[in-house]
């Protein structure tokens, strides 16, 4: 029994240290490492509606250049998004139930919230980070021969959106790191499955 209690105390101390470091880094990003340019850009940048034109452009580009094969890719992309969103929002968040920093009983009074309200729901993992990294990794794996070196821009895009979640005050750094890892794993899995079923599909069409 004593050994069991010591084990619990050990993990409690570990989590306390991680939580303190996470909170410190959150406050640095949210309240110290700031400037007026990021204050103006990041609330807009991390908004999902901002990127609708990008999604439409990607769909049109693939549909025009790769015809019927593009729709199969779009189907897998939708499956990928559903998996990332549902896993983060309805599985992990409801299990962990970590409050957002802007909704934390004590921390909320120190948060510089750049949105008009504190987003609802729990904090870990960040669904923004999960969804965007999932999509970015899926794109990198499946369209690597089309995008070439430009594929890394999607990873940068996902990283900046994730950083914006911390900057505006709705997520801790650990939330977006966890979301990035989760999304990347799902994107990798779905991308690998797509490539196995349809190997080099876009290359084959380009050669015709």
N, C-alpha and C. Protein backbone atom coordinates (compact mmCIF):
# COMPACT_ATOMS: atom_id res chain seq x y z
N UNK A 1 0.84 -1.21 0.00
CA UNK A 1 0.00 0.00 0.00
C UNK A 1 0.88 1.26 0.00
N UNK A 2 1.91 1.24 0.83
CA UNK A 2 2.80 2.39 0.91
C UNK A 2 3.52 2.62 -0.42
N UNK A 3 3.92 1.51 -1.06
CA UNK A 3 4.60 1.62 -2.35
C UNK A 3 3.65 2.21 -3.40
N UNK A 4 2.38 1.83 -3.32
CA UNK A 4 1.37 2.34 -4.26
C UNK A 4 1.20 3.84 -4.08
N UNK A 5 1.15 4.30 -2.82
CA UNK A 5 0.99 5.72 -2.53
C UNK A 5 2.22 6.51 -2.98
N UNK A 6 3.41 5.91 -2.80
CA UNK A 6 4.63 6.58 -3.25
C UNK A 6 4.63 6.73 -4.77
N UNK A 7 4.12 5.70 -5.46
CA UNK A 7 4.04 5.75 -6.92
C UNK A 7 3.10 6.87 -7.37
N UNK A 8 1.96 6.99 -6.69
CA UNK A 8 1.00 8.06 -7.01
C UNK A 8 1.62 9.42 -6.77
N UNK A 9 2.29 9.57 -5.65
CA UNK A 9 2.93 10.85 -5.33
C UNK A 9 4.00 11.22 -6.35
N UNK A 10 4.74 10.19 -6.82
CA UNK A 10 5.77 10.43 -7.82
C UNK A 10 5.16 11.00 -9.10
N UNK A 11 4.09 10.35 -9.61
CA UNK A 11 3.46 10.81 -10.84
C UNK A 11 2.76 12.14 -10.65
N UNK A 12 2.26 12.40 -9.46
CA UNK A 12 1.65 13.70 -9.18
C UNK A 12 2.69 14.80 -9.23
N UNK A 13 3.89 14.53 -8.72
CA UNK A 13 4.97 15.51 -8.76
C UNK A 13 5.42 15.76 -10.20
N UNK A 14 5.50 14.67 -10.98
CA UNK A 14 5.88 14.80 -12.38
C UNK A 14 4.86 15.67 -13.12
N UNK A 15 3.56 15.39 -12.94
CA UNK A 15 2.53 16.17 -13.62
C UNK A 15 2.55 17.62 -13.13
N UNK A 16 2.78 17.82 -11.85
CA UNK A 16 2.84 19.18 -11.31
C UNK A 16 3.97 19.97 -11.97
N UNK A 17 5.12 19.34 -12.16
CA UNK A 17 6.24 20.01 -12.81
C UNK A 17 5.92 20.32 -14.27
N UNK A 18 5.32 19.34 -14.99
CA UNK A 18 4.95 19.55 -16.39
C UNK A 18 3.92 20.66 -16.51
N UNK A 19 2.92 20.64 -15.63
CA UNK A 19 1.86 21.64 -15.67
C UNK A 19 2.40 23.05 -15.39
N UNK A 20 3.32 23.13 -14.43
CA UNK A 20 3.92 24.44 -14.10
C UNK A 20 4.72 24.97 -15.29
N UNK A 21 5.50 24.09 -15.92
CA UNK A 21 6.30 24.50 -17.08
C UNK A 21 5.39 24.90 -18.24
N UNK A 22 4.32 24.13 -18.43
CA UNK A 22 3.37 24.41 -19.50
C UNK A 22 2.68 25.76 -19.28
N UNK A 23 2.30 26.02 -18.04
CA UNK A 23 1.64 27.29 -17.71
C UNK A 23 2.60 28.46 -17.88
N UNK A 24 3.84 28.29 -17.46
CA UNK A 24 4.83 29.36 -17.62
C UNK A 24 5.03 29.69 -19.09
N UNK A 25 5.18 28.64 -19.93
CA UNK A 25 5.40 28.87 -21.36
C UNK A 25 4.16 29.51 -21.99
N UNK A 26 2.98 29.06 -21.56
CA UNK A 26 1.75 29.69 -22.06
C UNK A 26 1.74 31.19 -21.78
N UNK A 27 2.06 31.58 -20.56
CA UNK A 27 2.04 33.00 -20.18
C UNK A 27 3.09 33.78 -20.95
N UNK A 28 4.24 33.17 -21.22
CA UNK A 28 5.26 33.84 -22.01
C UNK A 28 4.75 34.13 -23.43
N UNK A 29 4.19 33.11 -24.07
CA UNK A 29 3.70 33.26 -25.44
C UNK A 29 2.51 34.21 -25.49
N UNK A 30 1.60 34.06 -24.54
CA UNK A 30 0.36 34.83 -24.56
C UNK A 30 0.51 36.28 -24.11
N UNK A 31 1.44 36.52 -23.18
CA UNK A 31 1.48 37.85 -22.56
C UNK A 31 2.82 38.57 -22.64
N UNK A 32 3.91 37.86 -22.94
CA UNK A 32 5.24 38.47 -22.94
C UNK A 32 5.81 38.57 -24.35
N UNK A 33 5.84 37.46 -25.07
CA UNK A 33 6.41 37.43 -26.42
C UNK A 33 5.35 37.89 -27.44
N UNK A 34 4.94 39.13 -27.34
CA UNK A 34 3.83 39.63 -28.14
C UNK A 34 4.23 40.90 -28.89
N UNK A 35 3.48 41.20 -29.92
CA UNK A 35 3.61 42.49 -30.61
C UNK A 35 2.30 42.79 -31.33
N UNK A 36 2.14 44.03 -31.76
CA UNK A 36 0.88 44.48 -32.35
C UNK A 36 0.57 43.76 -33.67
N UNK A 37 1.62 43.40 -34.44
CA UNK A 37 1.40 42.69 -35.70
C UNK A 37 0.75 41.34 -35.46
N UNK A 38 1.32 40.55 -34.54
CA UNK A 38 0.76 39.23 -34.24
C UNK A 38 -0.61 39.35 -33.59
N UNK A 39 -0.80 40.39 -32.79
CA UNK A 39 -2.11 40.63 -32.19
C UNK A 39 -3.19 40.78 -33.26
N UNK A 40 -2.84 41.40 -34.37
CA UNK A 40 -3.80 41.64 -35.45
C UNK A 40 -3.97 40.42 -36.35
N UNK A 41 -2.87 39.71 -36.61
CA UNK A 41 -2.88 38.65 -37.62
C UNK A 41 -3.34 37.30 -37.06
N UNK A 42 -2.83 36.89 -35.90
CA UNK A 42 -3.06 35.51 -35.44
C UNK A 42 -4.52 35.18 -35.11
N UNK A 43 -5.33 36.09 -34.55
CA UNK A 43 -6.75 35.73 -34.37
C UNK A 43 -7.44 35.40 -35.69
N UNK A 44 -7.06 36.10 -36.75
CA UNK A 44 -7.61 35.82 -38.08
C UNK A 44 -6.96 34.58 -38.69
N UNK A 45 -5.66 34.44 -38.50
CA UNK A 45 -4.89 33.34 -39.10
C UNK A 45 -5.36 31.98 -38.60
N UNK A 46 -5.70 31.89 -37.29
CA UNK A 46 -6.07 30.59 -36.73
C UNK A 46 -7.56 30.26 -36.92
N UNK A 47 -8.30 31.15 -37.56
CA UNK A 47 -9.72 30.92 -37.81
C UNK A 47 -9.89 29.95 -38.98
N UNK A 48 -10.68 28.90 -38.78
CA UNK A 48 -10.85 27.88 -39.82
C UNK A 48 -11.44 28.45 -41.10
N UNK A 49 -12.32 29.44 -40.99
CA UNK A 49 -12.95 30.02 -42.18
C UNK A 49 -11.95 30.73 -43.08
N UNK A 50 -10.84 31.17 -42.51
CA UNK A 50 -9.81 31.87 -43.30
C UNK A 50 -9.27 30.98 -44.40
N UNK A 51 -9.26 29.68 -44.18
CA UNK A 51 -8.57 28.75 -45.09
C UNK A 51 -9.50 28.04 -46.05
N UNK A 52 -10.79 28.43 -46.08
CA UNK A 52 -11.71 27.84 -47.05
C UNK A 52 -11.23 28.04 -48.49
N UNK A 53 -10.75 29.25 -48.87
CA UNK A 53 -10.22 29.41 -50.24
C UNK A 53 -9.08 28.46 -50.57
N UNK A 54 -8.22 28.16 -49.60
CA UNK A 54 -7.11 27.22 -49.83
C UNK A 54 -7.65 25.84 -50.13
N UNK A 55 -8.65 25.38 -49.35
CA UNK A 55 -9.22 24.06 -49.57
C UNK A 55 -9.90 23.99 -50.95
N UNK A 56 -10.63 25.04 -51.30
CA UNK A 56 -11.31 25.07 -52.60
C UNK A 56 -10.31 25.07 -53.75
N UNK A 57 -9.22 25.83 -53.58
CA UNK A 57 -8.18 25.86 -54.61
C UNK A 57 -7.56 24.48 -54.79
N UNK A 58 -7.27 23.80 -53.68
CA UNK A 58 -6.64 22.49 -53.75
C UNK A 58 -7.57 21.49 -54.44
N UNK A 59 -8.86 21.55 -54.10
CA UNK A 59 -9.83 20.65 -54.72
C UNK A 59 -9.93 20.91 -56.22
N UNK A 60 -10.03 22.18 -56.61
CA UNK A 60 -10.14 22.53 -58.02
C UNK A 60 -8.87 22.16 -58.78
N UNK A 61 -7.71 22.41 -58.16
CA UNK A 61 -6.44 22.08 -58.81
C UNK A 61 -6.35 20.59 -59.10
N UNK A 62 -6.71 19.77 -58.13
CA UNK A 62 -6.64 18.31 -58.31
C UNK A 62 -7.69 17.84 -59.29
N UNK A 63 -8.91 18.40 -59.20
CA UNK A 63 -10.00 17.97 -60.08
C UNK A 63 -9.68 18.30 -61.54
N UNK A 64 -9.13 19.48 -61.79
CA UNK A 64 -8.81 19.90 -63.15
C UNK A 64 -7.65 19.11 -63.73
N UNK A 65 -6.63 18.85 -62.91
CA UNK A 65 -5.42 18.21 -63.42
C UNK A 65 -5.44 16.69 -63.36
N UNK A 66 -6.21 16.13 -62.42
CA UNK A 66 -6.13 14.69 -62.21
C UNK A 66 -7.47 13.96 -62.31
N UNK A 67 -8.51 14.70 -62.72
CA UNK A 67 -9.81 14.13 -63.04
C UNK A 67 -10.36 13.22 -61.92
N UNK A 68 -10.80 12.00 -62.29
CA UNK A 68 -11.51 11.13 -61.35
C UNK A 68 -10.67 10.70 -60.15
N UNK A 69 -9.36 10.57 -60.33
CA UNK A 69 -8.50 10.16 -59.23
C UNK A 69 -8.52 11.19 -58.10
N UNK A 70 -8.79 12.44 -58.44
CA UNK A 70 -8.81 13.49 -57.43
C UNK A 70 -9.92 13.26 -56.42
N UNK A 71 -11.06 12.75 -56.86
CA UNK A 71 -12.19 12.56 -55.95
C UNK A 71 -11.93 11.45 -54.95
N UNK A 72 -11.16 10.47 -55.34
CA UNK A 72 -10.77 9.42 -54.39
C UNK A 72 -9.87 10.02 -53.32
N UNK A 73 -8.93 10.88 -53.74
CA UNK A 73 -8.06 11.57 -52.79
C UNK A 73 -8.87 12.44 -51.84
N UNK A 74 -9.86 13.15 -52.38
CA UNK A 74 -10.71 14.02 -51.56
C UNK A 74 -11.48 13.18 -50.53
N UNK A 75 -11.95 12.01 -50.93
CA UNK A 75 -12.65 11.12 -50.00
C UNK A 75 -11.75 10.72 -48.85
N UNK A 76 -10.50 10.35 -49.14
CA UNK A 76 -9.55 9.99 -48.09
C UNK A 76 -9.22 11.21 -47.21
N UNK A 77 -9.14 12.39 -47.82
CA UNK A 77 -8.87 13.61 -47.05
C UNK A 77 -10.01 13.88 -46.07
N UNK A 78 -11.25 13.67 -46.51
CA UNK A 78 -12.41 13.86 -45.63
C UNK A 78 -12.39 12.84 -44.49
N UNK A 79 -12.09 11.60 -44.81
CA UNK A 79 -11.97 10.56 -43.77
C UNK A 79 -10.90 10.94 -42.76
N UNK A 80 -9.79 11.45 -43.26
CA UNK A 80 -8.69 11.88 -42.39
C UNK A 80 -9.15 12.98 -41.44
N UNK A 81 -9.88 13.97 -41.96
CA UNK A 81 -10.36 15.09 -41.14
C UNK A 81 -11.36 14.60 -40.09
N UNK A 82 -12.25 13.70 -40.49
CA UNK A 82 -13.22 13.15 -39.54
C UNK A 82 -12.51 12.42 -38.41
N UNK A 83 -11.51 11.62 -38.74
CA UNK A 83 -10.77 10.87 -37.73
C UNK A 83 -10.03 11.79 -36.77
N UNK A 84 -9.36 12.81 -37.30
CA UNK A 84 -8.62 13.73 -36.43
C UNK A 84 -9.57 14.49 -35.52
N UNK A 85 -10.65 15.00 -36.08
CA UNK A 85 -11.58 15.83 -35.30
C UNK A 85 -12.29 15.00 -34.23
N UNK A 86 -12.80 13.84 -34.62
CA UNK A 86 -13.54 13.02 -33.66
C UNK A 86 -12.64 12.47 -32.56
N UNK A 87 -11.42 12.08 -32.92
CA UNK A 87 -10.50 11.55 -31.92
C UNK A 87 -10.12 12.61 -30.90
N UNK A 88 -9.84 13.81 -31.38
CA UNK A 88 -9.46 14.90 -30.48
C UNK A 88 -10.64 15.42 -29.67
N UNK A 89 -11.73 15.78 -30.36
CA UNK A 89 -12.84 16.47 -29.73
C UNK A 89 -13.72 15.57 -28.87
N UNK A 90 -13.96 14.35 -29.34
CA UNK A 90 -14.95 13.50 -28.66
C UNK A 90 -14.37 12.30 -27.93
N UNK A 91 -13.09 12.07 -28.07
CA UNK A 91 -12.47 10.96 -27.35
C UNK A 91 -11.49 11.46 -26.30
N UNK A 92 -10.43 12.12 -26.75
CA UNK A 92 -9.37 12.53 -25.82
C UNK A 92 -9.83 13.68 -24.92
N UNK A 93 -10.47 14.70 -25.49
CA UNK A 93 -10.90 15.84 -24.68
C UNK A 93 -11.87 15.44 -23.58
N UNK A 94 -12.84 14.60 -23.93
CA UNK A 94 -13.83 14.18 -22.93
C UNK A 94 -13.22 13.26 -21.88
N UNK A 95 -12.13 12.58 -22.23
CA UNK A 95 -11.46 11.71 -21.26
C UNK A 95 -10.54 12.50 -20.34
N UNK A 96 -9.74 13.41 -20.90
CA UNK A 96 -8.79 14.20 -20.10
C UNK A 96 -9.48 15.31 -19.33
N UNK A 97 -10.41 16.01 -19.99
CA UNK A 97 -11.20 17.09 -19.37
C UNK A 97 -10.32 18.18 -18.74
N UNK A 98 -9.33 18.63 -19.49
CA UNK A 98 -8.48 19.71 -19.02
C UNK A 98 -9.11 21.06 -19.38
N UNK A 99 -9.32 21.94 -18.40
CA UNK A 99 -9.91 23.25 -18.72
C UNK A 99 -8.97 24.08 -19.58
N UNK A 100 -9.55 24.91 -20.43
CA UNK A 100 -8.76 25.85 -21.22
C UNK A 100 -8.15 26.89 -20.29
N UNK A 101 -7.01 27.47 -20.67
CA UNK A 101 -6.41 28.50 -19.80
C UNK A 101 -7.34 29.69 -19.58
N UNK A 102 -8.12 30.05 -20.61
CA UNK A 102 -9.04 31.18 -20.48
C UNK A 102 -10.27 30.83 -19.67
N UNK A 103 -10.43 29.54 -19.30
CA UNK A 103 -11.56 29.11 -18.47
C UNK A 103 -11.10 28.55 -17.13
N UNK A 104 -9.78 28.53 -16.92
CA UNK A 104 -9.24 28.02 -15.67
C UNK A 104 -9.64 28.93 -14.50
N UNK A 105 -9.97 28.32 -13.38
CA UNK A 105 -10.50 29.07 -12.23
C UNK A 105 -9.58 30.20 -11.80
N UNK A 106 -8.28 29.98 -11.85
CA UNK A 106 -7.32 30.99 -11.39
C UNK A 106 -6.59 31.69 -12.55
N UNK A 107 -6.20 30.91 -13.55
CA UNK A 107 -5.37 31.45 -14.62
C UNK A 107 -6.13 32.44 -15.52
N UNK A 108 -7.46 32.30 -15.60
CA UNK A 108 -8.23 33.14 -16.51
C UNK A 108 -8.05 34.63 -16.26
N UNK A 109 -7.70 34.99 -15.03
CA UNK A 109 -7.52 36.41 -14.70
C UNK A 109 -6.17 36.95 -15.18
N UNK A 110 -5.31 36.05 -15.66
CA UNK A 110 -3.99 36.45 -16.16
C UNK A 110 -3.87 36.24 -17.67
N UNK A 111 -4.93 35.73 -18.30
CA UNK A 111 -4.89 35.44 -19.72
C UNK A 111 -5.22 36.69 -20.53
N UNK A 112 -4.45 36.92 -21.57
CA UNK A 112 -4.72 38.00 -22.52
C UNK A 112 -5.51 37.39 -23.67
N UNK A 113 -6.83 37.38 -23.54
CA UNK A 113 -7.69 36.72 -24.52
C UNK A 113 -7.92 37.65 -25.72
N UNK A 114 -7.52 37.20 -26.91
CA UNK A 114 -7.62 38.02 -28.11
C UNK A 114 -8.85 37.68 -28.95
N UNK A 115 -9.70 36.80 -28.46
CA UNK A 115 -10.95 36.49 -29.12
C UNK A 115 -12.10 37.13 -28.35
N UNK A 116 -13.29 37.17 -28.96
CA UNK A 116 -14.41 37.81 -28.28
C UNK A 116 -15.04 36.93 -27.20
N UNK A 117 -14.60 35.68 -27.12
CA UNK A 117 -15.07 34.78 -26.07
C UNK A 117 -14.07 33.64 -25.90
N UNK A 118 -14.14 32.97 -24.77
CA UNK A 118 -13.31 31.79 -24.54
C UNK A 118 -13.99 30.59 -25.18
N UNK A 119 -13.29 29.93 -26.09
CA UNK A 119 -13.88 28.79 -26.80
C UNK A 119 -14.40 27.75 -25.82
N UNK A 120 -15.52 27.15 -26.17
CA UNK A 120 -16.12 26.13 -25.30
C UNK A 120 -15.35 24.82 -25.36
N UNK A 121 -15.73 23.89 -24.50
CA UNK A 121 -15.11 22.58 -24.49
C UNK A 121 -13.80 22.55 -23.72
N UNK A 122 -13.16 21.40 -23.75
CA UNK A 122 -11.92 21.20 -23.01
C UNK A 122 -10.70 21.55 -23.87
N UNK A 123 -9.52 21.47 -23.25
CA UNK A 123 -8.33 22.03 -23.85
C UNK A 123 -7.40 21.01 -24.50
N UNK A 124 -7.25 19.82 -23.92
CA UNK A 124 -6.28 18.83 -24.43
C UNK A 124 -7.04 17.67 -25.07
N UNK A 125 -6.73 17.40 -26.32
CA UNK A 125 -5.75 18.05 -27.20
C UNK A 125 -6.42 19.17 -28.01
N UNK A 126 -5.59 20.06 -28.56
CA UNK A 126 -6.11 21.11 -29.42
C UNK A 126 -6.62 20.50 -30.72
N UNK A 127 -7.92 20.68 -30.99
CA UNK A 127 -8.47 20.14 -32.23
C UNK A 127 -7.95 20.89 -33.45
N UNK A 128 -7.67 22.20 -33.29
CA UNK A 128 -7.06 22.95 -34.38
C UNK A 128 -5.73 22.31 -34.78
N UNK A 129 -4.89 22.04 -33.77
CA UNK A 129 -3.58 21.44 -34.05
C UNK A 129 -3.74 20.03 -34.63
N UNK A 130 -4.64 19.25 -34.06
CA UNK A 130 -4.85 17.88 -34.54
C UNK A 130 -5.32 17.87 -35.98
N UNK A 131 -6.33 18.68 -36.28
CA UNK A 131 -6.89 18.70 -37.63
C UNK A 131 -5.90 19.22 -38.67
N UNK A 132 -5.22 20.32 -38.34
CA UNK A 132 -4.33 20.92 -39.33
C UNK A 132 -3.06 20.10 -39.55
N UNK A 133 -2.49 19.54 -38.48
CA UNK A 133 -1.32 18.68 -38.67
C UNK A 133 -1.71 17.38 -39.35
N UNK A 134 -2.90 16.87 -39.03
CA UNK A 134 -3.37 15.66 -39.71
C UNK A 134 -3.50 15.87 -41.20
N UNK A 135 -4.08 17.01 -41.57
CA UNK A 135 -4.25 17.32 -42.99
C UNK A 135 -2.91 17.60 -43.65
N UNK A 136 -2.04 18.34 -42.97
CA UNK A 136 -0.74 18.69 -43.54
C UNK A 136 0.10 17.45 -43.81
N UNK A 137 0.14 16.53 -42.85
CA UNK A 137 0.92 15.30 -43.04
C UNK A 137 0.32 14.44 -44.14
N UNK A 138 -1.01 14.36 -44.18
CA UNK A 138 -1.68 13.60 -45.23
C UNK A 138 -1.32 14.16 -46.61
N UNK A 139 -1.35 15.49 -46.74
CA UNK A 139 -0.99 16.15 -48.00
C UNK A 139 0.47 15.86 -48.36
N UNK A 140 1.36 15.98 -47.37
CA UNK A 140 2.79 15.75 -47.62
C UNK A 140 3.06 14.35 -48.14
N UNK A 141 2.35 13.37 -47.59
CA UNK A 141 2.60 11.98 -47.96
C UNK A 141 1.99 11.64 -49.31
N UNK A 142 0.76 12.10 -49.54
CA UNK A 142 0.04 11.68 -50.75
C UNK A 142 0.33 12.55 -51.97
N UNK A 143 0.71 13.80 -51.75
CA UNK A 143 0.96 14.71 -52.88
C UNK A 143 2.43 15.12 -52.99
N UNK A 144 3.29 14.32 -52.42
CA UNK A 144 4.72 14.69 -52.40
C UNK A 144 5.29 14.83 -53.80
N UNK A 145 4.80 14.03 -54.75
CA UNK A 145 5.34 14.09 -56.11
C UNK A 145 4.74 15.24 -56.92
N UNK A 146 3.64 15.79 -56.44
CA UNK A 146 3.03 16.94 -57.10
C UNK A 146 3.58 18.24 -56.52
N UNK A 147 3.65 18.32 -55.18
CA UNK A 147 4.07 19.54 -54.51
C UNK A 147 5.59 19.67 -54.40
N UNK A 148 6.28 18.50 -54.41
CA UNK A 148 7.73 18.49 -54.26
C UNK A 148 8.15 19.20 -52.96
N UNK A 149 9.12 20.14 -53.01
CA UNK A 149 9.59 20.78 -51.77
C UNK A 149 8.56 21.70 -51.15
N UNK A 150 7.54 22.10 -51.94
CA UNK A 150 6.52 23.00 -51.41
C UNK A 150 5.62 22.32 -50.37
N UNK A 151 5.71 21.00 -50.30
CA UNK A 151 4.87 20.29 -49.33
C UNK A 151 5.16 20.71 -47.90
N UNK A 152 6.39 21.15 -47.63
CA UNK A 152 6.75 21.54 -46.25
C UNK A 152 6.05 22.81 -45.81
N UNK A 153 5.52 23.58 -46.76
CA UNK A 153 4.76 24.77 -46.40
C UNK A 153 3.50 24.40 -45.62
N UNK A 154 2.96 23.21 -45.89
CA UNK A 154 1.76 22.77 -45.16
C UNK A 154 2.09 22.48 -43.69
N UNK A 155 3.27 21.96 -43.42
CA UNK A 155 3.69 21.73 -42.03
C UNK A 155 3.90 23.07 -41.32
N UNK A 156 4.55 24.00 -42.01
CA UNK A 156 4.72 25.35 -41.45
C UNK A 156 3.38 26.01 -41.18
N UNK A 157 2.46 25.86 -42.12
CA UNK A 157 1.10 26.39 -41.99
C UNK A 157 0.42 25.83 -40.74
N UNK A 158 0.48 24.52 -40.54
CA UNK A 158 -0.13 23.89 -39.37
C UNK A 158 0.53 24.36 -38.08
N UNK A 159 1.85 24.51 -38.10
CA UNK A 159 2.59 24.93 -36.91
C UNK A 159 2.22 26.35 -36.50
N UNK A 160 2.08 27.26 -37.48
CA UNK A 160 1.75 28.64 -37.15
C UNK A 160 0.31 28.77 -36.64
N UNK A 161 -0.60 27.99 -37.20
CA UNK A 161 -1.97 27.99 -36.69
C UNK A 161 -2.01 27.47 -35.26
N UNK A 162 -1.25 26.43 -34.99
CA UNK A 162 -1.18 25.86 -33.64
C UNK A 162 -0.60 26.86 -32.65
N UNK A 163 0.47 27.55 -33.07
CA UNK A 163 1.06 28.59 -32.21
C UNK A 163 0.04 29.68 -31.93
N UNK A 164 -0.76 30.00 -32.92
CA UNK A 164 -1.78 31.02 -32.75
C UNK A 164 -2.81 30.66 -31.69
N UNK A 165 -3.07 29.38 -31.51
CA UNK A 165 -4.02 28.93 -30.48
C UNK A 165 -3.53 29.28 -29.08
N UNK A 166 -2.22 29.19 -28.89
CA UNK A 166 -1.63 29.57 -27.60
C UNK A 166 -1.59 31.09 -27.48
N UNK A 167 -1.19 31.74 -28.55
CA UNK A 167 -1.01 33.19 -28.54
C UNK A 167 -2.31 33.92 -28.20
N UNK A 168 -3.44 33.44 -28.74
CA UNK A 168 -4.72 34.14 -28.50
C UNK A 168 -5.33 33.78 -27.15
N UNK A 169 -4.79 32.75 -26.48
CA UNK A 169 -5.20 32.47 -25.11
C UNK A 169 -6.16 31.33 -24.89
N UNK A 170 -6.35 30.46 -25.91
CA UNK A 170 -7.34 29.39 -25.75
C UNK A 170 -6.74 28.00 -25.57
N UNK A 171 -5.41 27.87 -25.68
CA UNK A 171 -4.76 26.57 -25.48
C UNK A 171 -3.39 26.72 -24.83
N UNK A 172 -3.01 25.70 -24.08
CA UNK A 172 -1.66 25.60 -23.54
C UNK A 172 -0.73 25.05 -24.63
N UNK A 173 0.58 25.30 -24.51
CA UNK A 173 1.53 24.70 -25.46
C UNK A 173 1.42 23.17 -25.53
N UNK A 174 1.23 22.52 -24.38
CA UNK A 174 1.14 21.06 -24.37
C UNK A 174 -0.09 20.58 -25.15
N UNK A 175 -1.14 21.38 -25.17
CA UNK A 175 -2.34 21.02 -25.93
C UNK A 175 -2.04 20.94 -27.42
N UNK A 176 -1.29 21.92 -27.92
CA UNK A 176 -1.02 21.94 -29.36
C UNK A 176 0.08 20.94 -29.72
N UNK A 177 1.01 20.70 -28.80
CA UNK A 177 2.04 19.67 -29.06
C UNK A 177 1.37 18.30 -29.13
N UNK A 178 0.49 18.02 -28.16
CA UNK A 178 -0.24 16.76 -28.18
C UNK A 178 -1.11 16.63 -29.42
N UNK A 179 -1.78 17.72 -29.79
CA UNK A 179 -2.61 17.71 -31.00
C UNK A 179 -1.78 17.50 -32.26
N UNK A 180 -0.61 18.12 -32.31
CA UNK A 180 0.26 17.97 -33.48
C UNK A 180 0.72 16.52 -33.63
N UNK A 181 1.08 15.90 -32.51
CA UNK A 181 1.53 14.50 -32.55
C UNK A 181 0.37 13.59 -32.96
N UNK A 182 -0.80 13.79 -32.34
CA UNK A 182 -1.97 12.98 -32.66
C UNK A 182 -2.36 13.13 -34.12
N UNK A 183 -2.47 14.37 -34.58
CA UNK A 183 -2.86 14.61 -35.97
C UNK A 183 -1.86 14.05 -36.95
N UNK A 184 -0.57 14.20 -36.65
CA UNK A 184 0.47 13.68 -37.53
C UNK A 184 0.39 12.16 -37.66
N UNK A 185 0.12 11.48 -36.55
CA UNK A 185 0.01 10.02 -36.58
C UNK A 185 -1.19 9.57 -37.41
N UNK A 186 -2.32 10.27 -37.24
CA UNK A 186 -3.51 9.91 -38.02
C UNK A 186 -3.29 10.22 -39.49
N UNK A 187 -2.73 11.40 -39.78
CA UNK A 187 -2.44 11.76 -41.16
C UNK A 187 -1.47 10.79 -41.82
N UNK A 188 -0.47 10.34 -41.04
CA UNK A 188 0.50 9.36 -41.54
C UNK A 188 -0.20 8.03 -41.85
N UNK A 189 -1.07 7.60 -40.94
CA UNK A 189 -1.77 6.33 -41.13
C UNK A 189 -2.67 6.37 -42.36
N UNK A 190 -3.50 7.41 -42.47
CA UNK A 190 -4.43 7.50 -43.61
C UNK A 190 -3.66 7.69 -44.91
N UNK A 191 -2.59 8.50 -44.86
CA UNK A 191 -1.78 8.70 -46.05
C UNK A 191 -1.11 7.43 -46.52
N UNK A 192 -0.60 6.64 -45.58
CA UNK A 192 0.05 5.37 -45.93
C UNK A 192 -0.96 4.40 -46.56
N UNK A 193 -2.17 4.37 -45.99
CA UNK A 193 -3.22 3.49 -46.53
C UNK A 193 -3.57 3.92 -47.96
N UNK A 194 -3.73 5.25 -48.16
CA UNK A 194 -4.04 5.74 -49.50
C UNK A 194 -2.93 5.36 -50.49
N UNK A 195 -1.68 5.58 -50.10
CA UNK A 195 -0.56 5.28 -51.01
C UNK A 195 -0.44 3.79 -51.30
N UNK A 196 -0.84 2.97 -50.33
CA UNK A 196 -0.78 1.52 -50.55
C UNK A 196 -1.85 1.07 -51.54
N UNK A 197 -3.05 1.67 -51.42
CA UNK A 197 -4.15 1.29 -52.31
C UNK A 197 -3.97 1.92 -53.69
N UNK A 198 -3.51 3.18 -53.71
CA UNK A 198 -3.33 3.91 -54.97
C UNK A 198 -1.88 4.41 -55.10
N UNK A 199 -0.94 3.50 -55.27
CA UNK A 199 0.47 3.91 -55.34
C UNK A 199 0.77 4.75 -56.58
N UNK A 200 1.44 5.87 -56.36
CA UNK A 200 1.88 6.73 -57.46
C UNK A 200 0.74 7.13 -58.41
N UNK A 201 -0.46 7.29 -57.87
CA UNK A 201 -1.62 7.55 -58.71
C UNK A 201 -1.50 8.87 -59.48
N UNK A 202 -1.00 9.91 -58.83
CA UNK A 202 -0.89 11.20 -59.50
C UNK A 202 0.24 11.22 -60.53
N UNK A 203 1.30 10.47 -60.27
CA UNK A 203 2.40 10.39 -61.24
C UNK A 203 1.92 9.70 -62.52
N UNK A 204 1.14 8.63 -62.36
CA UNK A 204 0.65 7.88 -63.50
C UNK A 204 -0.24 8.74 -64.39
N UNK A 205 -1.06 9.58 -63.78
CA UNK A 205 -1.94 10.44 -64.56
C UNK A 205 -1.14 11.51 -65.29
N UNK A 206 -0.12 12.07 -64.60
CA UNK A 206 0.69 13.12 -65.22
C UNK A 206 1.45 12.60 -66.45
N UNK A 207 1.78 11.32 -66.46
CA UNK A 207 2.53 10.75 -67.59
C UNK A 207 1.65 10.50 -68.81
N UNK A 208 0.33 10.44 -68.61
CA UNK A 208 -0.56 10.13 -69.71
C UNK A 208 -0.68 11.32 -70.67
